[in-house]
Amino acid sequence: MKLHEPATDCDRCPRLSQFRAAVKATEPGYFCAPVPSFGDAAPRLLIVGLAPGRHGANRTGRPFTGDYAGVLLYQTLFDFGWSSQPGSVSADDPLHLRGARITNAVRCLPPENKPRPEEVRQCNEYLAAELAALPPGAAVLALGAIAFGAVLRAGGRKPASAPFAHGARAELAQARQLFASYHCSRYNTQTRRLSSEMFRQVFAAIEAHFVL
């Protein structure tokens, strides 16, 4: 199933398109375009990150691939049976997801990894398409407060209707459940704001959701 994706030359957000072009000029081998979603075409679990990392997905063209942020994510996905291997270094490696899909609230690399609210809103229709394609009872995992708010908006809820916290949950349409975790960034994991055990606990809650 091919979902609605932004054009490779999308210029809806002038600041982001200009920044992409500037990075491409210095790194001509980088992907430097809106990063498409990756994974199962009919997932039970949708994972939503913030935005592509400059030397990760912005380089490789695949979410959470080739940078530190993907280390904990892909290892945990593998441990819980959602991924075929525990790590991902390039978009053409053999890793594939099993019943899971990964996307971002903002598809383009933002300066300093900080998208503006209006940029999150401009990309929200693509996230809304991902949510609408999920089966009833699916799970969505938002990594960080911005992604959590973006999922609520894409699901037809006001972002302020459910506060973000690590381990928080919120109801979406058709019995879909939104789970929240701190983002698995280098900063969060190295400062121990997010430990591997904390991350695994969220995945265990997702697993329990499917059992009930």
N, C-alpha and C. Protein backbone atom coordinates (compact mmCIF):
# COMPACT_ATOMS: atom_id res chain seq x y z
N MET A 1 0.85 -1.20 0.00
CA MET A 1 0.00 0.00 0.00
C MET A 1 0.89 1.25 0.00
N LYS A 2 0.68 2.13 -0.94
CA LYS A 2 1.45 3.36 -1.07
C LYS A 2 0.67 4.50 -0.43
N LEU A 3 1.19 5.03 0.65
CA LEU A 3 0.52 6.13 1.34
C LEU A 3 0.96 7.47 0.75
N HIS A 4 0.18 8.47 1.05
CA HIS A 4 0.48 9.83 0.62
C HIS A 4 1.80 10.28 1.26
N GLU A 5 2.77 10.64 0.45
CA GLU A 5 4.09 11.08 0.92
C GLU A 5 4.39 12.46 0.33
N PRO A 6 5.18 13.28 1.03
CA PRO A 6 5.56 14.57 0.45
C PRO A 6 6.44 14.40 -0.77
N ALA A 7 6.35 15.34 -1.69
CA ALA A 7 7.20 15.30 -2.88
C ALA A 7 8.67 15.46 -2.47
N THR A 8 9.56 14.89 -3.25
CA THR A 8 10.99 14.96 -2.91
C THR A 8 11.51 16.40 -2.93
N ASP A 9 10.82 17.27 -3.67
CA ASP A 9 11.22 18.68 -3.72
C ASP A 9 10.24 19.57 -2.96
N CYS A 10 9.55 19.01 -1.97
CA CYS A 10 8.55 19.76 -1.20
C CYS A 10 9.13 21.08 -0.68
N ASP A 11 8.38 22.16 -0.89
CA ASP A 11 8.84 23.46 -0.42
C ASP A 11 7.78 24.15 0.44
N ARG A 12 6.92 23.36 1.09
CA ARG A 12 5.89 23.92 1.95
C ARG A 12 6.48 24.75 3.09
N CYS A 13 7.62 24.31 3.59
CA CYS A 13 8.28 24.99 4.70
C CYS A 13 9.56 25.62 4.18
N PRO A 14 9.54 26.90 3.81
CA PRO A 14 10.71 27.53 3.18
C PRO A 14 11.99 27.36 3.98
N ARG A 15 11.91 27.49 5.30
CA ARG A 15 13.11 27.36 6.13
C ARG A 15 13.71 25.97 5.99
N LEU A 16 12.88 24.95 5.96
CA LEU A 16 13.38 23.58 5.87
C LEU A 16 13.91 23.26 4.48
N SER A 17 13.22 23.72 3.44
CA SER A 17 13.71 23.44 2.09
C SER A 17 15.03 24.16 1.83
N GLN A 18 15.18 25.37 2.36
CA GLN A 18 16.44 26.10 2.21
C GLN A 18 17.56 25.42 2.99
N PHE A 19 17.23 24.90 4.16
CA PHE A 19 18.24 24.21 4.96
C PHE A 19 18.66 22.90 4.29
N ARG A 20 17.69 22.17 3.73
CA ARG A 20 18.02 20.96 2.98
C ARG A 20 19.01 21.26 1.86
N ALA A 21 18.73 22.32 1.13
CA ALA A 21 19.60 22.68 0.00
C ALA A 21 20.99 23.05 0.48
N ALA A 22 21.08 23.75 1.61
CA ALA A 22 22.38 24.13 2.13
C ALA A 22 23.18 22.91 2.57
N VAL A 23 22.52 21.96 3.20
CA VAL A 23 23.22 20.73 3.63
C VAL A 23 23.64 19.92 2.40
N LYS A 24 22.77 19.85 1.41
CA LYS A 24 23.09 19.11 0.18
C LYS A 24 24.31 19.69 -0.51
N ALA A 25 24.48 21.01 -0.44
CA ALA A 25 25.63 21.65 -1.07
C ALA A 25 26.93 21.24 -0.41
N THR A 26 26.89 20.99 0.89
CA THR A 26 28.10 20.58 1.61
C THR A 26 28.25 19.07 1.68
N GLU A 27 27.13 18.35 1.54
CA GLU A 27 27.14 16.89 1.61
C GLU A 27 26.38 16.33 0.40
N PRO A 28 26.98 16.39 -0.79
CA PRO A 28 26.24 16.00 -2.00
C PRO A 28 25.80 14.55 -2.02
N GLY A 29 26.40 13.69 -1.21
CA GLY A 29 26.01 12.29 -1.18
C GLY A 29 24.85 11.99 -0.26
N TYR A 30 24.39 13.00 0.48
CA TYR A 30 23.29 12.80 1.42
C TYR A 30 21.94 12.78 0.71
N PHE A 31 20.97 12.12 1.32
CA PHE A 31 19.61 12.04 0.77
C PHE A 31 18.99 13.43 0.68
N CYS A 32 18.98 14.18 1.76
CA CYS A 32 18.56 15.59 1.79
C CYS A 32 17.23 15.85 1.06
N ALA A 33 16.22 15.12 1.49
CA ALA A 33 14.87 15.28 0.96
C ALA A 33 13.91 14.82 2.05
N PRO A 34 12.60 15.06 1.89
CA PRO A 34 11.66 14.53 2.88
C PRO A 34 11.83 13.01 2.99
N VAL A 35 12.02 12.52 4.19
CA VAL A 35 12.29 11.09 4.39
C VAL A 35 10.97 10.32 4.46
N PRO A 36 10.77 9.36 3.57
CA PRO A 36 9.52 8.60 3.58
C PRO A 36 9.45 7.63 4.76
N SER A 37 8.25 7.19 5.07
CA SER A 37 8.05 6.19 6.11
C SER A 37 8.71 4.88 5.68
N PHE A 38 8.97 4.04 6.66
CA PHE A 38 9.65 2.77 6.39
C PHE A 38 9.00 1.66 7.20
N GLY A 39 8.79 0.51 6.57
CA GLY A 39 8.31 -0.64 7.30
C GLY A 39 7.14 -1.33 6.64
N ASP A 40 6.43 -2.09 7.44
CA ASP A 40 5.31 -2.89 6.98
C ASP A 40 4.22 -2.00 6.38
N ALA A 41 3.67 -2.40 5.27
CA ALA A 41 2.63 -1.61 4.62
C ALA A 41 1.30 -1.68 5.36
N ALA A 42 1.12 -2.70 6.19
CA ALA A 42 -0.11 -2.84 6.98
C ALA A 42 0.28 -3.12 8.43
N PRO A 43 0.81 -2.13 9.12
CA PRO A 43 1.38 -2.36 10.46
C PRO A 43 0.33 -2.41 11.57
N ARG A 44 0.68 -3.10 12.63
CA ARG A 44 -0.11 -3.04 13.87
C ARG A 44 0.50 -1.98 14.80
N LEU A 45 1.77 -1.65 14.57
CA LEU A 45 2.49 -0.67 15.39
C LEU A 45 3.08 0.41 14.49
N LEU A 46 2.74 1.66 14.77
CA LEU A 46 3.33 2.79 14.07
C LEU A 46 4.18 3.57 15.06
N ILE A 47 5.44 3.79 14.74
CA ILE A 47 6.36 4.54 15.59
C ILE A 47 6.58 5.91 14.95
N VAL A 48 6.43 6.96 15.74
CA VAL A 48 6.53 8.33 15.22
C VAL A 48 7.65 9.06 15.95
N GLY A 49 8.69 9.42 15.21
CA GLY A 49 9.78 10.20 15.77
C GLY A 49 9.56 11.68 15.55
N LEU A 50 10.59 12.47 15.81
CA LEU A 50 10.49 13.92 15.66
C LEU A 50 10.75 14.35 14.22
N ALA A 51 11.98 14.12 13.74
CA ALA A 51 12.40 14.55 12.42
C ALA A 51 13.68 13.81 12.06
N PRO A 52 14.07 13.79 10.79
CA PRO A 52 15.31 13.12 10.41
C PRO A 52 16.53 13.75 11.09
N GLY A 53 17.48 12.93 11.50
CA GLY A 53 18.74 13.42 12.02
C GLY A 53 19.66 13.83 10.87
N ARG A 54 20.47 14.84 11.09
CA ARG A 54 21.31 15.37 10.00
C ARG A 54 22.20 14.30 9.39
N HIS A 55 22.85 13.50 10.22
CA HIS A 55 23.77 12.48 9.71
C HIS A 55 23.18 11.09 9.80
N GLY A 56 21.88 11.02 10.08
CA GLY A 56 21.18 9.75 10.13
C GLY A 56 20.24 9.63 8.94
N ALA A 57 18.93 9.76 9.20
CA ALA A 57 17.94 9.60 8.13
C ALA A 57 18.11 10.63 7.02
N ASN A 58 18.54 11.85 7.33
CA ASN A 58 18.79 12.85 6.29
C ASN A 58 19.92 12.42 5.36
N ARG A 59 20.80 11.58 5.87
CA ARG A 59 21.90 11.04 5.06
C ARG A 59 21.48 9.79 4.30
N THR A 60 20.79 8.87 5.00
CA THR A 60 20.50 7.56 4.44
C THR A 60 19.17 7.47 3.72
N GLY A 61 18.22 8.33 4.10
CA GLY A 61 16.90 8.28 3.49
C GLY A 61 15.95 7.30 4.14
N ARG A 62 16.31 6.78 5.33
CA ARG A 62 15.43 5.86 6.05
C ARG A 62 15.38 6.26 7.52
N PRO A 63 14.18 6.31 8.12
CA PRO A 63 14.07 6.78 9.50
C PRO A 63 14.93 6.01 10.49
N PHE A 64 15.62 6.74 11.35
CA PHE A 64 16.42 6.18 12.44
C PHE A 64 17.53 5.23 11.93
N THR A 65 18.01 5.47 10.74
CA THR A 65 19.02 4.61 10.14
C THR A 65 20.34 5.36 9.99
N GLY A 66 21.38 4.78 10.57
CA GLY A 66 22.71 5.34 10.38
C GLY A 66 23.14 6.35 11.41
N ASP A 67 22.37 6.51 12.51
CA ASP A 67 22.83 7.42 13.56
C ASP A 67 22.51 6.84 14.93
N TYR A 68 22.94 7.52 15.97
CA TYR A 68 22.84 6.99 17.33
C TYR A 68 21.40 6.80 17.77
N ALA A 69 20.49 7.65 17.31
CA ALA A 69 19.10 7.57 17.75
C ALA A 69 18.46 6.23 17.42
N GLY A 70 18.96 5.56 16.37
CA GLY A 70 18.38 4.29 15.98
C GLY A 70 18.91 3.10 16.75
N VAL A 71 19.98 3.29 17.53
CA VAL A 71 20.60 2.15 18.21
C VAL A 71 19.63 1.48 19.17
N LEU A 72 19.10 2.24 20.10
CA LEU A 72 18.17 1.67 21.08
C LEU A 72 16.86 1.26 20.42
N LEU A 73 16.37 2.05 19.47
CA LEU A 73 15.10 1.74 18.84
C LEU A 73 15.15 0.40 18.11
N TYR A 74 16.12 0.21 17.23
CA TYR A 74 16.15 -1.02 16.45
C TYR A 74 16.50 -2.24 17.30
N GLN A 75 17.34 -2.06 18.32
CA GLN A 75 17.63 -3.17 19.21
C GLN A 75 16.36 -3.62 19.94
N THR A 76 15.57 -2.65 20.41
CA THR A 76 14.35 -2.98 21.14
C THR A 76 13.30 -3.57 20.21
N LEU A 77 13.18 -3.05 19.03
CA LEU A 77 12.27 -3.63 18.05
C LEU A 77 12.63 -5.09 17.78
N PHE A 78 13.91 -5.36 17.65
CA PHE A 78 14.37 -6.74 17.42
C PHE A 78 14.05 -7.63 18.62
N ASP A 79 14.32 -7.12 19.82
CA ASP A 79 14.09 -7.90 21.03
C ASP A 79 12.62 -8.29 21.19
N PHE A 80 11.71 -7.43 20.72
CA PHE A 80 10.29 -7.70 20.86
C PHE A 80 9.67 -8.30 19.60
N GLY A 81 10.50 -8.67 18.64
CA GLY A 81 10.02 -9.37 17.46
C GLY A 81 9.49 -8.52 16.33
N TRP A 82 9.71 -7.21 16.41
CA TRP A 82 9.19 -6.31 15.38
C TRP A 82 10.18 -6.10 14.23
N SER A 83 11.44 -6.49 14.41
CA SER A 83 12.48 -6.24 13.41
C SER A 83 13.29 -7.50 13.14
N SER A 84 13.80 -7.62 11.94
CA SER A 84 14.55 -8.81 11.55
C SER A 84 15.99 -8.80 12.03
N GLN A 85 16.50 -7.65 12.42
CA GLN A 85 17.88 -7.57 12.94
C GLN A 85 17.98 -6.40 13.92
N PRO A 86 19.00 -6.43 14.79
CA PRO A 86 19.06 -5.45 15.89
C PRO A 86 19.68 -4.11 15.56
N GLY A 87 20.07 -3.88 14.32
CA GLY A 87 20.69 -2.61 13.97
C GLY A 87 20.48 -2.28 12.51
N SER A 88 20.61 -1.00 12.19
CA SER A 88 20.41 -0.53 10.82
C SER A 88 21.44 0.55 10.51
N VAL A 89 22.20 0.36 9.45
CA VAL A 89 23.25 1.32 9.12
C VAL A 89 23.03 2.01 7.78
N SER A 90 22.23 1.41 6.90
CA SER A 90 22.00 2.02 5.59
C SER A 90 20.63 1.60 5.07
N ALA A 91 20.11 2.37 4.13
CA ALA A 91 18.78 2.09 3.61
C ALA A 91 18.72 0.82 2.77
N ASP A 92 19.88 0.32 2.35
CA ASP A 92 19.88 -0.90 1.53
C ASP A 92 20.36 -2.12 2.30
N ASP A 93 20.43 -2.02 3.64
CA ASP A 93 20.79 -3.22 4.40
C ASP A 93 19.55 -4.13 4.46
N PRO A 94 19.71 -5.40 4.88
CA PRO A 94 18.60 -6.36 4.80
C PRO A 94 17.54 -6.23 5.89
N LEU A 95 17.66 -5.27 6.78
CA LEU A 95 16.68 -5.13 7.85
C LEU A 95 15.28 -4.91 7.28
N HIS A 96 14.30 -5.61 7.85
CA HIS A 96 12.91 -5.32 7.55
C HIS A 96 12.10 -5.41 8.83
N LEU A 97 11.01 -4.67 8.87
CA LEU A 97 10.15 -4.63 10.04
C LEU A 97 9.00 -5.61 9.87
N ARG A 98 8.57 -6.17 10.99
CA ARG A 98 7.52 -7.19 11.00
C ARG A 98 6.30 -6.64 11.73
N GLY A 99 5.33 -6.15 10.99
CA GLY A 99 4.13 -5.60 11.60
C GLY A 99 4.30 -4.21 12.17
N ALA A 100 5.41 -3.57 11.87
CA ALA A 100 5.69 -2.23 12.38
C ALA A 100 6.08 -1.29 11.24
N ARG A 101 5.94 -0.01 11.50
CA ARG A 101 6.26 1.02 10.52
C ARG A 101 6.80 2.23 11.29
N ILE A 102 7.76 2.93 10.70
CA ILE A 102 8.37 4.08 11.35
C ILE A 102 8.23 5.31 10.46
N THR A 103 7.85 6.42 11.07
CA THR A 103 7.75 7.69 10.36
C THR A 103 8.18 8.81 11.30
N ASN A 104 8.06 10.04 10.85
CA ASN A 104 8.41 11.20 11.67
C ASN A 104 7.30 12.25 11.62
N ALA A 105 7.19 13.02 12.68
CA ALA A 105 6.22 14.11 12.71
C ALA A 105 6.55 15.15 11.65
N VAL A 106 7.84 15.38 11.42
CA VAL A 106 8.34 16.31 10.40
C VAL A 106 9.27 15.51 9.49
N ARG A 107 9.03 15.56 8.20
CA ARG A 107 9.76 14.68 7.27
C ARG A 107 11.12 15.22 6.84
N CYS A 108 11.36 16.52 7.07
CA CYS A 108 12.62 17.13 6.63
C CYS A 108 13.50 17.50 7.83
N LEU A 109 14.78 17.48 7.60
CA LEU A 109 15.75 17.88 8.61
C LEU A 109 15.55 19.35 9.01
N PRO A 110 15.33 19.63 10.30
CA PRO A 110 15.22 21.03 10.75
C PRO A 110 16.55 21.52 11.32
N PRO A 111 16.85 22.80 11.20
CA PRO A 111 18.06 23.33 11.85
C PRO A 111 18.05 23.04 13.35
N GLU A 112 19.19 22.58 13.87
CA GLU A 112 19.37 22.28 15.28
C GLU A 112 18.36 21.24 15.78
N ASN A 113 17.80 20.47 14.83
CA ASN A 113 16.82 19.43 15.17
C ASN A 113 15.60 20.00 15.90
N LYS A 114 15.24 21.23 15.58
CA LYS A 114 14.12 21.90 16.26
C LYS A 114 13.13 22.44 15.24
N PRO A 115 12.14 21.64 14.86
CA PRO A 115 11.12 22.17 13.95
C PRO A 115 10.23 23.18 14.65
N ARG A 116 9.74 24.13 13.89
CA ARG A 116 8.81 25.11 14.43
C ARG A 116 7.39 24.55 14.42
N PRO A 117 6.52 25.06 15.29
CA PRO A 117 5.15 24.54 15.34
C PRO A 117 4.45 24.54 13.99
N GLU A 118 4.65 25.59 13.19
CA GLU A 118 3.97 25.66 11.90
C GLU A 118 4.51 24.59 10.94
N GLU A 119 5.77 24.18 11.12
CA GLU A 119 6.34 23.13 10.29
C GLU A 119 5.77 21.77 10.67
N VAL A 120 5.54 21.56 11.95
CA VAL A 120 4.90 20.33 12.40
C VAL A 120 3.48 20.25 11.82
N ARG A 121 2.78 21.38 11.83
CA ARG A 121 1.41 21.40 11.28
C ARG A 121 1.40 21.15 9.78
N GLN A 122 2.37 21.71 9.06
CA GLN A 122 2.40 21.53 7.60
C GLN A 122 2.57 20.06 7.23
N CYS A 123 3.27 19.30 8.06
CA CYS A 123 3.53 17.88 7.76
C CYS A 123 2.45 16.97 8.32
N ASN A 124 1.48 17.52 9.03
CA ASN A 124 0.56 16.67 9.78
C ASN A 124 -0.35 15.84 8.88
N GLU A 125 -0.61 16.29 7.67
CA GLU A 125 -1.50 15.51 6.80
C GLU A 125 -0.89 14.16 6.45
N TYR A 126 0.44 14.10 6.37
CA TYR A 126 1.09 12.82 6.05
C TYR A 126 0.98 11.86 7.23
N LEU A 127 1.09 12.39 8.42
CA LEU A 127 0.92 11.57 9.61
C LEU A 127 -0.54 11.13 9.74
N ALA A 128 -1.47 12.02 9.41
CA ALA A 128 -2.88 11.66 9.45
C ALA A 128 -3.19 10.51 8.49
N ALA A 129 -2.54 10.50 7.33
CA ALA A 129 -2.73 9.41 6.37
C ALA A 129 -2.21 8.10 6.93
N GLU A 130 -1.09 8.16 7.64
CA GLU A 130 -0.54 6.95 8.26
C GLU A 130 -1.51 6.41 9.32
N LEU A 131 -2.05 7.30 10.14
CA LEU A 131 -2.97 6.86 11.18
C LEU A 131 -4.25 6.27 10.58
N ALA A 132 -4.77 6.92 9.56
CA ALA A 132 -6.02 6.46 8.95
C ALA A 132 -5.87 5.07 8.34
N ALA A 133 -4.67 4.71 7.93
CA ALA A 133 -4.44 3.40 7.30
C ALA A 133 -4.25 2.28 8.32
N LEU A 134 -4.10 2.63 9.61
CA LEU A 134 -3.90 1.60 10.62
C LEU A 134 -5.18 0.82 10.87
N PRO A 135 -5.07 -0.45 11.20
CA PRO A 135 -6.27 -1.23 11.51
C PRO A 135 -6.82 -0.84 12.88
N PRO A 136 -8.08 -1.09 13.14
CA PRO A 136 -8.63 -0.87 14.48
C PRO A 136 -7.82 -1.64 15.52
N GLY A 137 -7.60 -0.99 16.67
CA GLY A 137 -6.86 -1.64 17.74
C GLY A 137 -5.35 -1.55 17.61
N ALA A 138 -4.85 -0.84 16.60
CA ALA A 138 -3.41 -0.70 16.42
C ALA A 138 -2.80 0.15 17.53
N ALA A 139 -1.49 0.09 17.65
CA ALA A 139 -0.76 0.89 18.63
C ALA A 139 0.11 1.91 17.90
N VAL A 140 0.24 3.08 18.51
CA VAL A 140 1.11 4.13 17.99
C VAL A 140 2.06 4.52 19.12
N LEU A 141 3.33 4.55 18.83
CA LEU A 141 4.34 4.96 19.81
C LEU A 141 4.93 6.29 19.38
N ALA A 142 4.73 7.33 20.20
CA ALA A 142 5.28 8.65 19.92
C ALA A 142 6.54 8.84 20.74
N LEU A 143 7.61 9.22 20.07
CA LEU A 143 8.90 9.43 20.72
C LEU A 143 9.10 10.92 20.97
N GLY A 144 8.77 11.36 22.17
CA GLY A 144 8.94 12.76 22.53
C GLY A 144 7.63 13.54 22.48
N ALA A 145 7.64 14.70 23.13
CA ALA A 145 6.43 15.49 23.28
C ALA A 145 5.91 16.04 21.96
N ILE A 146 6.80 16.46 21.06
CA ILE A 146 6.34 17.02 19.79
C ILE A 146 5.64 15.95 18.96
N ALA A 147 6.23 14.77 18.90
CA ALA A 147 5.61 13.67 18.16
C ALA A 147 4.27 13.29 18.79
N PHE A 148 4.21 13.29 20.12
CA PHE A 148 2.98 12.94 20.83
C PHE A 148 1.86 13.92 20.46
N GLY A 149 2.16 15.20 20.49
CA GLY A 149 1.17 16.20 20.11
C GLY A 149 0.78 16.11 18.65
N ALA A 150 1.75 15.78 17.79
CA ALA A 150 1.45 15.65 16.36
C ALA A 150 0.52 14.48 16.09
N VAL A 151 0.71 13.39 16.81
CA VAL A 151 -0.18 12.23 16.64
C VAL A 151 -1.60 12.57 17.10
N LEU A 152 -1.71 13.25 18.23
CA LEU A 152 -3.04 13.65 18.69
C LEU A 152 -3.74 14.51 17.64
N ARG A 153 -3.02 15.48 17.11
CA ARG A 153 -3.60 16.36 16.09
C ARG A 153 -4.00 15.55 14.85
N ALA A 154 -3.12 14.67 14.41
CA ALA A 154 -3.41 13.86 13.22
C ALA A 154 -4.59 12.93 13.45
N GLY A 155 -4.81 12.56 14.70
CA GLY A 155 -5.92 11.69 15.03
C GLY A 155 -7.20 12.43 15.35
N GLY A 156 -7.22 13.75 15.15
CA GLY A 156 -8.42 14.54 15.36
C GLY A 156 -8.62 15.04 16.78
N ARG A 157 -7.59 14.93 17.62
CA ARG A 157 -7.67 15.43 18.98
C ARG A 157 -6.81 16.67 19.14
N LYS A 158 -7.18 17.54 20.06
CA LYS A 158 -6.34 18.69 20.35
C LYS A 158 -5.08 18.23 21.07
N PRO A 159 -3.91 18.75 20.67
CA PRO A 159 -2.67 18.33 21.34
C PRO A 159 -2.69 18.51 22.85
N ALA A 160 -3.44 19.51 23.33
CA ALA A 160 -3.50 19.77 24.77
C ALA A 160 -4.46 18.84 25.50
N SER A 161 -5.14 17.96 24.75
CA SER A 161 -6.15 17.11 25.39
C SER A 161 -5.56 15.97 26.20
N ALA A 162 -4.30 15.68 25.98
CA ALA A 162 -3.63 14.62 26.74
C ALA A 162 -2.18 15.04 26.99
N PRO A 163 -1.76 15.19 28.24
CA PRO A 163 -0.40 15.64 28.52
C PRO A 163 0.63 14.56 28.21
N PHE A 164 1.78 15.01 27.71
CA PHE A 164 2.88 14.08 27.44
C PHE A 164 3.64 13.75 28.72
N ALA A 165 3.98 12.49 28.86
CA ALA A 165 4.89 12.03 29.91
C ALA A 165 5.40 10.68 29.46
N HIS A 166 6.59 10.33 29.88
CA HIS A 166 7.09 9.00 29.54
C HIS A 166 6.15 7.95 30.14
N GLY A 167 5.68 7.04 29.30
CA GLY A 167 4.77 6.02 29.75
C GLY A 167 3.31 6.40 29.67
N ALA A 168 3.01 7.64 29.24
CA ALA A 168 1.62 8.08 29.13
C ALA A 168 0.92 7.33 27.99
N ARG A 169 -0.42 7.31 28.07
CA ARG A 169 -1.23 6.69 27.04
C ARG A 169 -2.43 7.58 26.73
N ALA A 170 -2.93 7.45 25.52
CA ALA A 170 -4.12 8.21 25.12
C ALA A 170 -4.91 7.39 24.10
N GLU A 171 -6.22 7.57 24.13
CA GLU A 171 -7.09 6.86 23.21
C GLU A 171 -7.19 7.61 21.88
N LEU A 172 -7.14 6.84 20.80
CA LEU A 172 -7.38 7.38 19.47
C LEU A 172 -8.61 6.69 18.89
N ALA A 173 -9.03 7.11 17.73
CA ALA A 173 -10.22 6.53 17.10
C ALA A 173 -10.03 5.05 16.82
N GLN A 174 -11.13 4.33 16.78
CA GLN A 174 -11.18 2.90 16.43
C GLN A 174 -10.31 2.04 17.36
N ALA A 175 -10.36 2.37 18.63
CA ALA A 175 -9.66 1.59 19.68
C ALA A 175 -8.15 1.55 19.49
N ARG A 176 -7.62 2.50 18.71
CA ARG A 176 -6.16 2.59 18.60
C ARG A 176 -5.63 3.25 19.87
N GLN A 177 -4.46 2.83 20.29
CA GLN A 177 -3.89 3.32 21.54
C GLN A 177 -2.57 4.03 21.26
N LEU A 178 -2.44 5.24 21.79
CA LEU A 178 -1.22 6.02 21.66
C LEU A 178 -0.38 5.86 22.93
N PHE A 179 0.87 5.44 22.74
CA PHE A 179 1.83 5.29 23.83
C PHE A 179 2.91 6.36 23.69
N ALA A 180 3.45 6.80 24.81
CA ALA A 180 4.46 7.86 24.79
C ALA A 180 5.76 7.38 25.43
N SER A 181 6.87 7.81 24.85
CA SER A 181 8.19 7.57 25.44
C SER A 181 9.05 8.80 25.21
N TYR A 182 10.00 9.00 26.10
CA TYR A 182 11.04 9.97 25.78
C TYR A 182 11.71 9.53 24.49
N HIS A 183 12.20 10.48 23.73
CA HIS A 183 12.88 10.17 22.47
C HIS A 183 14.19 9.43 22.76
N CYS A 184 14.50 8.46 21.92
CA CYS A 184 15.71 7.65 22.11
C CYS A 184 16.93 8.34 21.49
N SER A 185 17.09 9.61 21.77
CA SER A 185 18.22 10.39 21.25
C SER A 185 19.49 10.10 22.04
N ARG A 186 20.61 10.49 21.48
CA ARG A 186 21.88 10.33 22.18
C ARG A 186 21.86 11.06 23.52
N TYR A 187 21.32 12.29 23.51
CA TYR A 187 21.29 13.08 24.75
C TYR A 187 20.48 12.36 25.83
N ASN A 188 19.29 11.90 25.47
CA ASN A 188 18.43 11.27 26.48
C ASN A 188 19.00 9.97 27.01
N THR A 189 19.61 9.18 26.14
CA THR A 189 20.14 7.90 26.61
C THR A 189 21.45 8.08 27.37
N GLN A 190 22.28 9.01 26.96
CA GLN A 190 23.56 9.19 27.65
C GLN A 190 23.40 9.89 29.00
N THR A 191 22.38 10.73 29.12
CA THR A 191 22.11 11.37 30.41
C THR A 191 21.23 10.50 31.31
N ARG A 192 20.83 9.34 30.78
CA ARG A 192 19.99 8.38 31.51
C ARG A 192 18.57 8.91 31.76
N ARG A 193 18.21 9.96 31.06
CA ARG A 193 16.79 10.35 31.12
C ARG A 193 15.93 9.20 30.60
N LEU A 194 16.46 8.52 29.60
CA LEU A 194 15.81 7.33 29.07
C LEU A 194 16.79 6.17 29.13
N SER A 195 16.47 5.17 29.90
CA SER A 195 17.29 3.96 29.97
C SER A 195 16.69 2.89 29.07
N SER A 196 17.48 1.88 28.77
CA SER A 196 16.96 0.78 27.95
C SER A 196 15.80 0.09 28.65
N GLU A 197 15.86 -0.01 29.98
CA GLU A 197 14.79 -0.65 30.72
C GLU A 197 13.50 0.17 30.65
N MET A 198 13.62 1.49 30.75
CA MET A 198 12.44 2.35 30.61
C MET A 198 11.80 2.19 29.24
N PHE A 199 12.64 2.10 28.21
CA PHE A 199 12.15 1.95 26.85
C PHE A 199 11.47 0.59 26.68
N ARG A 200 12.08 -0.44 27.23
CA ARG A 200 11.51 -1.78 27.15
C ARG A 200 10.16 -1.86 27.87
N GLN A 201 10.01 -1.11 28.94
CA GLN A 201 8.74 -1.12 29.66
C GLN A 201 7.61 -0.58 28.79
N VAL A 202 7.91 0.42 27.97
CA VAL A 202 6.89 0.94 27.06
C VAL A 202 6.52 -0.12 26.02
N PHE A 203 7.53 -0.81 25.50
CA PHE A 203 7.25 -1.87 24.52
C PHE A 203 6.50 -3.04 25.16
N ALA A 204 6.78 -3.30 26.42
CA ALA A 204 6.03 -4.34 27.12
C ALA A 204 4.56 -3.95 27.26
N ALA A 205 4.30 -2.65 27.50
CA ALA A 205 2.92 -2.17 27.60
C ALA A 205 2.22 -2.29 26.24
N ILE A 206 2.95 -2.02 25.18
CA ILE A 206 2.39 -2.18 23.83
C ILE A 206 2.06 -3.65 23.58
N GLU A 207 2.96 -4.52 23.97
CA GLU A 207 2.73 -5.96 23.82
C GLU A 207 1.48 -6.39 24.58
N ALA A 208 1.33 -5.88 25.81
CA ALA A 208 0.16 -6.22 26.63
C ALA A 208 -1.13 -5.70 25.98
N HIS A 209 -1.05 -4.55 25.32
CA HIS A 209 -2.22 -3.99 24.64
C HIS A 209 -2.77 -4.97 23.61
N PHE A 210 -1.87 -5.67 22.90
CA PHE A 210 -2.32 -6.61 21.88
C PHE A 210 -2.83 -7.92 22.48
N VAL A 211 -2.40 -8.23 23.68
CA VAL A 211 -2.84 -9.46 24.33
C VAL A 211 -4.26 -9.30 24.87
N LEU A 212 -4.56 -8.09 25.40
CA LEU A 212 -5.87 -7.85 26.01
C LEU A 212 -7.01 -7.89 24.99
